[in-house]
PDB file of N, CA and C in Angstrom:
ATOM      1  N   MET A   1       0.603  -1.148   0.138  1.00  0.00           N
ATOM      2  CA  MET A   1      -0.050   0.063  -0.103  1.00  0.00           C
ATOM      3  C   MET A   1       0.736   1.270   0.080  1.00  0.00           C
ATOM      4  N   PHE A   2       1.885   0.975   0.672  1.00  0.00           N
ATOM      5  CA  PHE A   2       2.777   2.428   0.885  1.00  0.00           C
ATOM      6  C   PHE A   2       4.044   2.553  -0.011  1.00  0.00           C
ATOM      7  N   GLU A   3       4.319   1.419  -0.863  1.00  0.00           N
ATOM      8  CA  GLU A   3       5.243   1.410  -1.512  1.00  0.00           C
ATOM      9  C   GLU A   3       4.937   2.162  -2.842  1.00  0.00           C
ATOM     10  N   LYS A   4       5.825   2.987  -3.261  1.00  0.00           N
ATOM     11  CA  LYS A   4       5.798   3.977  -4.246  1.00  0.00           C
ATOM     12  C   LYS A   4       6.898   3.814  -5.138  1.00  0.00           C
ATOM     13  N   SER A   5       6.767   3.821  -6.752  1.00  0.00           N
ATOM     14  CA  SER A   5       7.910   3.930  -7.453  1.00  0.00           C
ATOM     15  C   SER A   5       8.243   5.267  -7.628  1.00  0.00           C
ATOM     16  N   PHE A   6       9.473   5.293  -8.093  1.00  0.00           N
ATOM     17  CA  PHE A   6      10.026   6.520  -8.303  1.00  0.00           C
ATOM     18  C   PHE A   6       9.339   7.430  -9.287  1.00  0.00           C
ATOM     19  N   ASP A   7       8.883   6.983  -9.979  1.00  0.00           N
ATOM     20  CA  ASP A   7       7.970   7.672 -11.123  1.00  0.00           C
ATOM     21  C   ASP A   7       6.624   7.974 -10.724  1.00  0.00           C
ATOM     22  N   SER A   8       6.101   7.200  -9.750  1.00  0.00           N
ATOM     23  CA  SER A   8       5.020   7.890  -9.116  1.00  0.00           C
ATOM     24  C   SER A   8       5.092   8.950  -8.064  1.00  0.00           C
ATOM     25  N   ILE A   9       6.500   9.012  -7.573  1.00  0.00           N
ATOM     26  CA  ILE A   9       6.623  10.053  -6.776  1.00  0.00           C
ATOM     27  C   ILE A   9       7.074  11.422  -7.495  1.00  0.00           C
ATOM     28  N   ILE A  10       7.599  11.211  -8.634  1.00  0.00           N
ATOM     29  CA  ILE A  10       7.846  12.471  -9.550  1.00  0.00           C
ATOM     30  C   ILE A  10       6.462  12.860 -10.028  1.00  0.00           C
ATOM     31  N   ARG A  11       5.509  11.796 -10.416  1.00  0.00           N
ATOM     32  CA  ARG A  11       4.246  12.550 -10.913  1.00  0.00           C
ATOM     33  C   ARG A  11       3.639  13.101  -9.693  1.00  0.00           C
ATOM     34  N   ALA A  12       3.498  12.764  -8.638  1.00  0.00           N
ATOM     35  CA  ALA A  12       2.821  13.439  -7.446  1.00  0.00           C
ATOM     36  C   ALA A  12       3.604  14.553  -7.128  1.00  0.00           C
ATOM     37  N   GLU A  13       4.783  14.855  -7.182  1.00  0.00           N
ATOM     38  CA  GLU A  13       5.567  16.151  -7.035  1.00  0.00           C
ATOM     39  C   GLU A  13       4.823  17.153  -7.990  1.00  0.00           C
ATOM     40  N   ARG A  14       4.850  16.643  -9.513  1.00  0.00           N
ATOM     41  CA  ARG A  14       4.299  17.433 -10.602  1.00  0.00           C
ATOM     42  C   ARG A  14       2.779  18.247 -10.000  1.00  0.00           C
ATOM     43  N   LEU A  15       1.957  17.194  -9.266  1.00  0.00           N
ATOM     44  CA  LEU A  15       0.631  17.416  -9.032  1.00  0.00           C
ATOM     45  C   LEU A  15       0.354  18.192  -7.825  1.00  0.00           C
ATOM     46  N   GLY A  16       1.474  18.559  -7.005  1.00  0.00           N
ATOM     47  CA  GLY A  16       1.361  19.363  -5.849  1.00  0.00           C
ATOM     48  C   GLY A  16       1.264  18.569  -4.707  1.00  0.00           C
ATOM     49  N   ASP A  17       1.643  17.106  -4.778  1.00  0.00           N
ATOM     50  CA  ASP A  17       1.557  16.399  -3.536  1.00  0.00           C
ATOM     51  C   ASP A  17       3.048  15.389  -3.453  1.00  0.00           C
ATOM     52  N   PRO A  18       3.925  16.215  -2.881  1.00  0.00           N
ATOM     53  CA  PRO A  18       5.169  15.758  -2.845  1.00  0.00           C
ATOM     54  C   PRO A  18       5.349  14.237  -2.074  1.00  0.00           C
ATOM     55  N   LEU A  19       4.532  14.067  -1.349  1.00  0.00           N
ATOM     56  CA  LEU A  19       4.656  12.948  -0.515  1.00  0.00           C
ATOM     57  C   LEU A  19       3.853  11.724  -1.128  1.00  0.00           C
ATOM     58  N   GLY A  20       3.156  11.865  -2.239  1.00  0.00           N
ATOM     59  CA  GLY A  20       2.289  11.090  -3.054  1.00  0.00           C
ATOM     60  C   GLY A  20       1.234  10.471  -2.068  1.00  0.00           C
ATOM     61  N   PHE A  21       0.312  11.276  -1.377  1.00  0.00           N
ATOM     62  CA  PHE A  21      -0.794  10.699  -0.500  1.00  0.00           C
ATOM     63  C   PHE A  21      -1.987  11.000  -1.000  1.00  0.00           C
ATOM     64  N   LYS A  22      -2.281  11.820  -2.019  1.00  0.00           N
ATOM     65  CA  LYS A  22      -3.744  12.166  -2.555  1.00  0.00           C
ATOM     66  C   LYS A  22      -4.234  10.842  -2.989  1.00  0.00           C
ATOM     67  N   GLY A  23      -3.631  10.037  -3.673  1.00  0.00           N
ATOM     68  CA  GLY A  23      -4.168   8.763  -4.359  1.00  0.00           C
ATOM     69  C   GLY A  23      -4.451   7.886  -3.374  1.00  0.00           C
ATOM     70  N   MET A  24      -3.967   7.837  -2.046  1.00  0.00           N
ATOM     71  CA  MET A  24      -3.840   6.681  -1.269  1.00  0.00           C
ATOM     72  C   MET A  24      -5.136   6.582  -0.398  1.00  0.00           C
ATOM     73  N   LYS A  25      -5.762   5.572  -0.244  1.00  0.00           N
ATOM     74  CA  LYS A  25      -6.888   5.239   0.631  1.00  0.00           C
ATOM     75  C   LYS A  25      -6.350   5.035   2.061  1.00  0.00           C
ATOM     76  N   GLY A  26      -7.118   5.577   2.986  1.00  0.00           N
ATOM     77  CA  GLY A  26      -6.905   5.338   4.374  1.00  0.00           C
ATOM     78  C   GLY A  26      -7.506   6.124   5.312  1.00  0.00           C
ATOM     79  N   ASP A  27      -7.364   6.069   6.416  1.00  0.00           N
ATOM     80  CA  ASP A  27      -8.181   6.747   7.706  1.00  0.00           C
ATOM     81  C   ASP A  27      -7.434   8.284   7.786  1.00  0.00           C
ATOM     82  N   GLY A  28      -6.771   8.905   7.268  1.00  0.00           N
ATOM     83  CA  GLY A  28      -6.211  10.105   7.272  1.00  0.00           C
ATOM     84  C   GLY A  28      -5.211  10.264   8.072  1.00  0.00           C
ATOM     85  N   MET A  29      -4.397   9.084   8.492  1.00  0.00           N
ATOM     86  CA  MET A  29      -3.253   9.084   9.235  1.00  0.00           C
ATOM     87  C   MET A  29      -1.958   8.833   8.242  1.00  0.00           C
ATOM     88  N   ARG A  30      -2.213   8.815   6.974  1.00  0.00           N
ATOM     89  CA  ARG A  30      -1.032   8.849   5.845  1.00  0.00           C
ATOM     90  C   ARG A  30       0.066   9.041   6.120  1.00  0.00           C
ATOM     91  N   TYR A  31       0.235  10.483   6.571  1.00  0.00           N
ATOM     92  CA  TYR A  31       1.508  11.127   6.722  1.00  0.00           C
ATOM     93  C   TYR A  31       2.224  10.429   7.964  1.00  0.00           C
ATOM     94  N   GLU A  32       1.481  10.155   8.996  1.00  0.00           N
ATOM     95  CA  GLU A  32       2.046   9.524  10.317  1.00  0.00           C
ATOM     96  C   GLU A  32       2.522   8.092  10.002  1.00  0.00           C
ATOM     97  N   PHE A  33       1.800   7.593   9.078  1.00  0.00           N
ATOM     98  CA  PHE A  33       2.033   6.279   8.929  1.00  0.00           C
ATOM     99  C   PHE A  33       3.512   6.062   7.800  1.00  0.00           C
ATOM    100  N   PHE A  34       3.534   7.349   7.056  1.00  0.00           N
ATOM    101  CA  PHE A  34       4.815   7.237   6.259  1.00  0.00           C
ATOM    102  C   PHE A  34       5.938   7.772   6.920  1.00  0.00           C
ATOM    103  N   ILE A  35       5.859   8.441   7.982  1.00  0.00           N
ATOM    104  CA  ILE A  35       7.167   8.787   9.011  1.00  0.00           C
ATOM    105  C   ILE A  35       7.532   7.562   9.698  1.00  0.00           C
ATOM    106  N   ALA A  36       6.530   6.933  10.333  1.00  0.00           N
ATOM    107  CA  ALA A  36       6.664   5.526  10.951  1.00  0.00           C
ATOM    108  C   ALA A  36       7.498   4.448  10.079  1.00  0.00           C
ATOM    109  N   ARG A  37       6.902   4.332   9.033  1.00  0.00           N
ATOM    110  CA  ARG A  37       7.517   3.293   7.976  1.00  0.00           C
ATOM    111  C   ARG A  37       8.968   3.704   7.607  1.00  0.00           C
ATOM    112  N   ARG A  38       9.139   4.849   7.515  1.00  0.00           N
ATOM    113  CA  ARG A  38      10.435   5.480   7.002  1.00  0.00           C
ATOM    114  C   ARG A  38      11.367   5.219   8.092  1.00  0.00           C
ATOM    115  N   TYR A  39      11.065   5.428   9.528  1.00  0.00           N
ATOM    116  CA  TYR A  39      12.018   5.153  10.713  1.00  0.00           C
ATOM    117  C   TYR A  39      12.003   3.716  10.898  1.00  0.00           C
ATOM    118  N   LEU A  40      10.899   2.895  10.734  1.00  0.00           N
ATOM    119  CA  LEU A  40      11.205   1.502  11.352  1.00  0.00           C
ATOM    120  C   LEU A  40      11.792   0.626  10.036  1.00  0.00           C
ATOM    121  N   LYS A  41      11.717   1.076   8.859  1.00  0.00           N
ATOM    122  CA  LYS A  41      12.341   0.483   7.780  1.00  0.00           C
ATOM    123  C   LYS A  41      13.717   0.866   7.348  1.00  0.00           C
ATOM    124  N   GLY A  42      14.139   1.942   7.963  1.00  0.00           N
ATOM    125  CA  GLY A  42      15.301   2.765   7.555  1.00  0.00           C
ATOM    126  C   GLY A  42      16.620   2.099   8.029  1.00  0.00           C
ATOM    127  N   VAL A  43      17.779   2.882   7.699  1.00  0.00           N
ATOM    128  CA  VAL A  43      19.306   2.261   8.171  1.00  0.00           C
ATOM    129  C   VAL A  43      19.357   2.045   9.532  1.00  0.00           C
ATOM    130  N   HIS A  44      18.636   3.051  10.390  1.00  0.00           N
ATOM    131  CA  HIS A  44      18.852   3.192  11.950  1.00  0.00           C
ATOM    132  C   HIS A  44      17.579   2.302  12.587  1.00  0.00           C
ATOM    133  N   ARG A  45      16.968   1.078  11.827  1.00  0.00           N
ATOM    134  CA  ARG A  45      15.785   0.617  12.478  1.00  0.00           C
ATOM    135  C   ARG A  45      16.241   0.153  13.850  1.00  0.00           C
ATOM    136  N   GLY A  46      17.577  -0.368  14.198  1.00  0.00           N
ATOM    137  CA  GLY A  46      17.887  -0.789  15.420  1.00  0.00           C
ATOM    138  C   GLY A  46      18.068   0.277  16.411  1.00  0.00           C
ATOM    139  N   ARG A  47      18.340   1.346  16.230  1.00  0.00           N
ATOM    140  CA  ARG A  47      18.480   2.339  17.231  1.00  0.00           C
ATOM    141  C   ARG A  47      17.026   3.032  17.665  1.00  0.00           C
ATOM    142  N   VAL A  48      15.973   2.886  16.386  1.00  0.00           N
ATOM    143  CA  VAL A  48      14.607   3.295  16.687  1.00  0.00           C
ATOM    144  C   VAL A  48      13.854   2.261  17.616  1.00  0.00           C
ATOM    145  N   ARG A  49      14.168   0.784  17.416  1.00  0.00           N
ATOM    146  CA  ARG A  49      13.421  -0.061  18.232  1.00  0.00           C
ATOM    147  C   ARG A  49      13.840  -0.026  19.509  1.00  0.00           C
ATOM    148  N   ILE A  50      15.216   0.167  19.828  1.00  0.00           N
ATOM    149  CA  ILE A  50      15.802   0.327  21.004  1.00  0.00           C
ATOM    150  C   ILE A  50      15.384   1.710  21.666  1.00  0.00           C
ATOM    151  N   SER A  51      15.133   2.749  20.957  1.00  0.00           N
ATOM    152  CA  SER A  51      14.562   3.964  21.611  1.00  0.00           C
ATOM    153  C   SER A  51      13.147   3.876  21.874  1.00  0.00           C
ATOM    154  N   THR A  52      12.172   3.182  21.265  1.00  0.00           N
ATOM    155  CA  THR A  52      10.985   2.933  21.352  1.00  0.00           C
ATOM    156  C   THR A  52      10.834   1.915  22.501  1.00  0.00           C
ATOM    157  N   ILE A  53      11.387   1.003  22.616  1.00  0.00           N
ATOM    158  CA  ILE A  53      11.305  -0.061  23.645  1.00  0.00           C
ATOM    159  C   ILE A  53      11.652   1.031  25.199  1.00  0.00           C
ATOM    160  N   GLY A  54      12.940   1.683  25.000  1.00  0.00           N
ATOM    161  CA  GLY A  54      13.217   2.514  26.101  1.00  0.00           C
ATOM    162  C   GLY A  54      11.907   3.555  26.655  1.00  0.00           C
ATOM    163  N   VAL A  55      11.574   3.967  25.667  1.00  0.00           N
ATOM    164  CA  VAL A  55      10.079   4.981  25.981  1.00  0.00           C
ATOM    165  C   VAL A  55       9.173   4.285  26.522  1.00  0.00           C
ATOM    166  N   ALA A  56       8.789   3.101  26.104  1.00  0.00           N
ATOM    167  CA  ALA A  56       7.676   2.313  26.579  1.00  0.00           C
ATOM    168  C   ALA A  56       8.048   1.950  28.098  1.00  0.00           C
ATOM    169  N   VAL A  57       9.254   1.445  28.144  1.00  0.00           N
ATOM    170  CA  VAL A  57       9.583   0.850  29.623  1.00  0.00           C
ATOM    171  C   VAL A  57       9.485   2.088  30.642  1.00  0.00           C
ATOM    172  N   GLY A  58      10.049   3.240  30.107  1.00  0.00           N
ATOM    173  CA  GLY A  58      10.048   4.179  30.958  1.00  0.00           C
ATOM    174  C   GLY A  58       8.593   4.801  31.271  1.00  0.00           C
ATOM    175  N   VAL A  59       7.610   4.750  30.382  1.00  0.00           N
ATOM    176  CA  VAL A  59       6.364   5.087  30.807  1.00  0.00           C
ATOM    177  C   VAL A  59       5.685   4.162  31.667  1.00  0.00           C
ATOM    178  N   MET A  60       5.937   2.817  31.346  1.00  0.00           N
ATOM    179  CA  MET A  60       5.513   1.584  32.317  1.00  0.00           C
ATOM    180  C   MET A  60       5.770   2.058  33.705  1.00  0.00           C
ATOM    181  N   VAL A  61       7.282   2.256  34.013  1.00  0.00           N
ATOM    182  CA  VAL A  61       7.905   2.693  35.299  1.00  0.00           C
ATOM    183  C   VAL A  61       7.289   3.657  36.005  1.00  0.00           C
ATOM    184  N   LEU A  62       6.765   4.760  35.175  1.00  0.00           N
ATOM    185  CA  LEU A  62       6.440   6.003  35.774  1.00  0.00           C
ATOM    186  C   LEU A  62       4.916   5.689  36.159  1.00  0.00           C
ATOM    187  N   VAL A  63       4.331   4.919  35.339  1.00  0.00           N
ATOM    188  CA  VAL A  63       2.714   4.488  35.649  1.00  0.00           C
ATOM    189  C   VAL A  63       2.841   3.688  37.045  1.00  0.00           C
ATOM    190  N   VAL A  64       3.679   2.741  36.999  1.00  0.00           N
ATOM    191  CA  VAL A  64       3.636   1.907  38.409  1.00  0.00           C
ATOM    192  C   VAL A  64       4.167   2.736  39.316  1.00  0.00           C
ATOM    193  N   ALA A  65       5.003   3.453  39.343  1.00  0.00           N
ATOM    194  CA  ALA A  65       5.517   4.332  40.411  1.00  0.00           C
ATOM    195  C   ALA A  65       4.517   5.243  41.139  1.00  0.00           C
ATOM    196  N   SER A  66       3.536   5.977  39.961  1.00  0.00           N
ATOM    197  CA  SER A  66       2.637   6.976  40.496  1.00  0.00           C
ATOM    198  C   SER A  66       1.449   6.106  40.935  1.00  0.00           C
ATOM    199  N   SER A  67       1.344   5.028  40.694  1.00  0.00           N
ATOM    200  CA  SER A  67       0.301   4.016  41.199  1.00  0.00           C
ATOM    201  C   SER A  67       0.620   3.785  42.722  1.00  0.00           C
ATOM    202  N   ILE A  68       1.863   3.187  42.763  1.00  0.00           N
ATOM    203  CA  ILE A  68       1.980   2.719  44.295  1.00  0.00           C
ATOM    204  C   ILE A  68       2.256   3.994  45.121  1.00  0.00           C
ATOM    205  N   MET A  69       2.503   5.296  44.672  1.00  0.00           N
ATOM    206  CA  MET A  69       2.626   6.176  45.483  1.00  0.00           C
ATOM    207  C   MET A  69       1.182   6.889  45.953  1.00  0.00           C
ATOM    208  N   ASN A  70       0.394   6.775  45.065  1.00  0.00           N
ATOM    209  CA  ASN A  70      -1.073   7.294  45.182  1.00  0.00           C
ATOM    210  C   ASN A  70      -1.736   6.074  46.247  1.00  0.00           C
ATOM    211  N   GLY A  71      -1.396   4.779  46.067  1.00  0.00           N
ATOM    212  CA  GLY A  71      -1.951   3.758  46.926  1.00  0.00           C
ATOM    213  C   GLY A  71      -1.093   3.916  48.570  1.00  0.00           C
ATOM    214  N   PHE A  72      -0.138   4.280  48.319  1.00  0.00           N
ATOM    215  CA  PHE A  72       0.655   4.430  49.753  1.00  0.00           C
ATOM    216  C   PHE A  72       0.091   5.884  50.171  1.00  0.00           C
ATOM    217  N   ARG A  73      -0.121   6.477  49.809  1.00  0.00           N
ATOM    218  CA  ARG A  73      -0.756   7.802  50.195  1.00  0.00           C
ATOM    219  C   ARG A  73      -2.256   7.694  50.787  1.00  0.00           C
ATOM    220  N   ALA A  74      -2.831   6.919  50.029  1.00  0.00           N
ATOM    221  CA  ALA A  74      -4.204   6.782  50.622  1.00  0.00           C
ATOM    222  C   ALA A  74      -4.421   5.693  51.795  1.00  0.00           C
ATOM    223  N   GLU A  75      -3.488   4.600  51.773  1.00  0.00           N
ATOM    224  CA  GLU A  75      -3.273   3.949  52.966  1.00  0.00           C
ATOM    225  C   GLU A  75      -2.769   4.479  54.360  1.00  0.00           C
ATOM    226  N   LEU A  76      -1.755   5.561  53.863  1.00  0.00           N
ATOM    227  CA  LEU A  76      -1.283   6.310  55.002  1.00  0.00           C
ATOM    228  C   LEU A  76      -2.443   6.995  55.708  1.00  0.00           C
ATOM    229  N   LEU A  77      -2.848   7.736  54.770  1.00  0.00           N
ATOM    230  CA  LEU A  77      -4.007   8.837  55.094  1.00  0.00           C
ATOM    231  C   LEU A  77      -5.090   7.911  55.857  1.00  0.00           C
ATOM    232  N   SER A  78      -5.498   6.749  55.647  1.00  0.00           N
ATOM    233  CA  SER A  78      -6.563   6.391  56.326  1.00  0.00           C
ATOM    234  C   SER A  78      -6.149   5.390  57.908  1.00  0.00           C
ATOM    235  N   LYS A  79      -4.743   5.249  57.578  1.00  0.00           N
ATOM    236  CA  LYS A  79      -4.164   4.560  59.083  1.00  0.00           C
ATOM    237  C   LYS A  79      -3.975   6.071  60.001  1.00  0.00           C
ATOM    238  N   MET A  80      -3.837   6.923  59.445  1.00  0.00           N
ATOM    239  CA  MET A  80      -3.743   8.365  60.332  1.00  0.00           C
ATOM    240  C   MET A  80      -5.057   8.601  60.722  1.00  0.00           C
ATOM    241  N   LEU A  81      -6.059   8.762  59.799  1.00  0.00           N
ATOM    242  CA  LEU A  81      -7.397   9.490  60.342  1.00  0.00           C
ATOM    243  C   LEU A  81      -7.850   8.152  61.257  1.00  0.00           C
ATOM    244  N   GLY A  82      -7.537   6.806  61.178  1.00  0.00           N
ATOM    245  CA  GLY A  82      -8.074   5.668  61.944  1.00  0.00           C
ATOM    246  C   GLY A  82      -7.424   5.962  63.427  1.00  0.00           C
ATOM    247  N   VAL A  83      -6.188   6.412  63.730  1.00  0.00           N
ATOM    248  CA  VAL A  83      -5.725   6.771  64.944  1.00  0.00           C
ATOM    249  C   VAL A  83      -6.067   8.168  65.423  1.00  0.00           C
ATOM    250  N   TYR A  84      -6.042   9.003  64.613  1.00  0.00           N
ATOM    251  CA  TYR A  84      -6.642  10.857  64.758  1.00  0.00           C
ATOM    252  C   TYR A  84      -7.416  11.125  64.100  1.00  0.00           C
ATOM    253  N   GLY A  85      -8.409  11.731  64.430  1.00  0.00           N
ATOM    254  CA  GLY A  85      -9.461  12.163  63.881  1.00  0.00           C
ATOM    255  C   GLY A  85      -9.316  13.188  62.968  1.00  0.00           C
ATOM    256  N   HIS A  86     -10.046  13.519  62.281  1.00  0.00           N
ATOM    257  CA  HIS A  86     -10.135  14.966  61.243  1.00  0.00           C
ATOM    258  C   HIS A  86      -9.711  16.398  62.230  1.00  0.00           C
ATOM    259  N   LEU A  87     -10.320  16.374  63.152  1.00  0.00           N
ATOM    260  CA  LEU A  87     -10.207  17.457  64.115  1.00  0.00           C
ATOM    261  C   LEU A  87      -9.847  16.809  65.743  1.00  0.00           C
ATOM    262  N   ASN A  88      -8.775  17.523  65.984  1.00  0.00           N
ATOM    263  CA  ASN A  88      -8.390  17.123  67.493  1.00  0.00           C
ATOM    264  C   ASN A  88      -8.457  18.289  68.408  1.00  0.00           C
ATOM    265  N   LEU A  89      -9.225  18.348  69.438  1.00  0.00           N
ATOM    266  CA  LEU A  89      -9.249  19.520  70.332  1.00  0.00           C
ATOM    267  C   LEU A  89      -8.234  19.259  71.610  1.00  0.00           C
ATOM    268  N   PHE A  90      -7.511  20.288  71.966  1.00  0.00           N
ATOM    269  CA  PHE A  90      -6.789  20.447  73.215  1.00  0.00           C
ATOM    270  C   PHE A  90      -6.721  21.408  73.927  1.00  0.00           C
ATOM    271  N   GLU A  91      -6.752  21.262  75.067  1.00  0.00           N
ATOM    272  CA  GLU A  91      -6.650  22.591  76.137  1.00  0.00           C
ATOM    273  C   GLU A  91      -5.245  22.394  76.519  1.00  0.00           C
ATOM    274  N   PHE A  92      -4.561  23.578  76.969  1.00  0.00           N
ATOM    275  CA  PHE A  92      -3.257  23.605  77.273  1.00  0.00           C
ATOM    276  C   PHE A  92      -3.445  24.517  78.858  1.00  0.00           C
ATOM    277  N   ASP A  93      -2.594  23.964  79.622  1.00  0.00           N
ATOM    278  CA  ASP A  93      -2.577  24.640  80.738  1.00  0.00           C
ATOM    279  C   ASP A  93      -1.450  26.039  80.761  1.00  0.00           C
ATOM    280  N   THR A  94      -1.100  26.596  81.845  1.00  0.00           N
ATOM    281  CA  THR A  94      -0.462  27.541  81.849  1.00  0.00           C
ATOM    282  C   THR A  94       0.957  27.479  81.723  1.00  0.00           C
ATOM    283  N   THR A  95       1.467  26.237  81.925  1.00  0.00           N
ATOM    284  CA  THR A  95       2.888  25.675  81.550  1.00  0.00           C
ATOM    285  C   THR A  95       3.041  25.224  80.125  1.00  0.00           C
ATOM    286  N   GLY A  96       1.755  25.246  79.215  1.00  0.00           N
ATOM    287  CA  GLY A  96       2.056  24.832  77.931  1.00  0.00           C
ATOM    288  C   GLY A  96       1.668  23.481  77.646  1.00  0.00           C
ATOM    289  N   ARG A  97       1.569  22.779  78.743  1.00  0.00           N
ATOM    290  CA  ARG A  97       1.140  21.073  78.636  1.00  0.00           C
ATOM    291  C   ARG A  97      -0.278  20.885  78.543  1.00  0.00           C
ATOM    292  N   LYS A  98      -0.571  19.743  77.800  1.00  0.00           N
ATOM    293  CA  LYS A  98      -2.066  19.436  77.738  1.00  0.00           C
ATOM    294  C   LYS A  98      -2.658  19.365  78.827  1.00  0.00           C
ATOM    295  N   ALA A  99      -3.831  19.695  78.985  1.00  0.00           N
ATOM    296  CA  ALA A  99      -4.796  19.392  80.158  1.00  0.00           C
ATOM    297  C   ALA A  99      -6.136  18.922  79.551  1.00  0.00           C
ATOM    298  N   ALA A 100      -6.838  18.501  80.555  1.00  0.00           N
ATOM    299  CA  ALA A 100      -8.251  17.964  80.553  1.00  0.00           C
ATOM    300  C   ALA A 100      -9.047  19.325  79.882  1.00  0.00           C
ATOM    301  N   ILE A 101      -9.741  18.861  79.110  1.00  0.00           N
ATOM    302  CA  ILE A 101     -10.973  20.152  78.703  1.00  0.00           C
ATOM    303  C   ILE A 101     -12.112  20.078  79.347  1.00  0.00           C
ATOM    304  N   GLU A 102     -12.498  21.127  79.908  1.00  0.00           N
ATOM    305  CA  GLU A 102     -13.396  21.458  81.029  1.00  0.00           C
ATOM    306  C   GLU A 102     -14.737  21.485  79.940  1.00  0.00           C
ATOM    307  N   ASP A 103     -15.515  20.815  80.642  1.00  0.00           N
ATOM    308  CA  ASP A 103     -17.062  21.032  79.868  1.00  0.00           C
ATOM    309  C   ASP A 103     -17.042  20.739  78.675  1.00  0.00           C
ATOM    310  N   TYR A 104     -16.475  19.540  78.134  1.00  0.00           N
ATOM    311  CA  TYR A 104     -16.236  19.063  76.742  1.00  0.00           C
ATOM    312  C   TYR A 104     -17.544  19.001  76.126  1.00  0.00           C
ATOM    313  N   PRO A 105     -18.692  18.369  76.981  1.00  0.00           N
ATOM    314  CA  PRO A 105     -20.113  18.315  76.182  1.00  0.00           C
ATOM    315  C   PRO A 105     -20.450  19.663  75.518  1.00  0.00           C
ATOM    316  N   LYS A 106     -20.287  20.602  75.924  1.00  0.00           N
ATOM    317  CA  LYS A 106     -20.546  22.064  75.312  1.00  0.00           C
ATOM    318  C   LYS A 106     -19.739  22.228  73.958  1.00  0.00           C
ATOM    319  N   TRP A 107     -18.645  21.855  73.818  1.00  0.00           N
ATOM    320  CA  TRP A 107     -17.737  21.695  72.526  1.00  0.00           C
ATOM    321  C   TRP A 107     -18.312  20.787  71.682  1.00  0.00           C
ATOM    322  N   ILE A 108     -18.697  19.584  72.146  1.00  0.00           N
ATOM    323  CA  ILE A 108     -19.380  18.408  71.315  1.00  0.00           C
ATOM    324  C   ILE A 108     -20.713  19.149  70.552  1.00  0.00           C
ATOM    325  N   ASP A 109     -21.444  19.674  71.279  1.00  0.00           N
ATOM    326  CA  ASP A 109     -22.616  20.227  70.863  1.00  0.00           C
ATOM    327  C   ASP A 109     -22.513  21.186  69.822  1.00  0.00           C
ATOM    328  N   LEU A 110     -21.391  22.145  70.246  1.00  0.00           N
ATOM    329  CA  LEU A 110     -21.251  23.202  69.081  1.00  0.00           C
ATOM    330  C   LEU A 110     -20.470  22.650  68.024  1.00  0.00           C
ATOM    331  N   LEU A 111     -19.710  21.822  67.967  1.00  0.00           N
ATOM    332  CA  LEU A 111     -19.162  21.240  66.820  1.00  0.00           C
ATOM    333  C   LEU A 111     -20.107  20.405  65.906  1.00  0.00           C
ATOM    334  N   GLU A 112     -20.968  19.695  66.647  1.00  0.00           N
ATOM    335  CA  GLU A 112     -21.933  18.986  65.707  1.00  0.00           C
ATOM    336  C   GLU A 112     -23.003  19.566  65.158  1.00  0.00           C
ATOM    337  N   SER A 113     -23.287  21.066  65.664  1.00  0.00           N
ATOM    338  CA  SER A 113     -24.118  22.123  65.007  1.00  0.00           C
ATOM    339  C   SER A 113     -23.612  22.629  63.893  1.00  0.00           C
ATOM    340  N   GLN A 114     -22.237  22.479  63.775  1.00  0.00           N
ATOM    341  CA  GLN A 114     -21.599  23.002  62.327  1.00  0.00           C
ATOM    342  C   GLN A 114     -22.164  22.327  61.161  1.00  0.00           C
ATOM    343  N   PRO A 115     -22.302  23.074  59.804  1.00  0.00           N
ATOM    344  CA  PRO A 115     -22.724  22.293  58.870  1.00  0.00           C
ATOM    345  C   PRO A 115     -21.566  21.547  58.122  1.00  0.00           C
ATOM    346  N   GLY A 116     -21.602  20.308  57.584  1.00  0.00           N
ATOM    347  CA  GLY A 116     -20.584  19.571  57.205  1.00  0.00           C
ATOM    348  C   GLY A 116     -19.959  18.758  58.086  1.00  0.00           C
ATOM    349  N   VAL A 117     -20.472  18.775  59.396  1.00  0.00           N
ATOM    350  CA  VAL A 117     -19.934  17.928  60.278  1.00  0.00           C
ATOM    351  C   VAL A 117     -20.933  16.719  60.772  1.00  0.00           C
ATOM    352  N   ASP A 118     -20.319  15.612  60.485  1.00  0.00           N
ATOM    353  CA  ASP A 118     -21.169  14.331  60.271  1.00  0.00           C
ATOM    354  C   ASP A 118     -21.362  13.698  61.850  1.00  0.00           C
ATOM    355  N   ALA A 119     -19.977  13.535  62.480  1.00  0.00           N
ATOM    356  CA  ALA A 119     -20.169  12.910  63.782  1.00  0.00           C
ATOM    357  C   ALA A 119     -19.376  13.590  64.652  1.00  0.00           C
TER     358      ALA A 119
END
């Protein structure tokens, strides 16, 4: 399909289509296929294959690393929120140490009355 003789290329150049794609049937990606074929069947096809494999492996590693990091983040967040809540209230004494919260039912009622607070 893509094989063109020298005469057909010269004829295509005279008609204003230097790459000879006007007479070809396809899905609109003829130029891309021409470039891909030129690189894959050219003199440096070994380098092209190695480069293509290298890019594919790099993308795979990036996707795997991103997935692992997102899973690690979600797991860490769920474990942290299991131990500590979204909101922690502390009262401090005059020396800066944590102290018992006086009248904590008042604070619970105040927080539960806020919009967006579930429990």
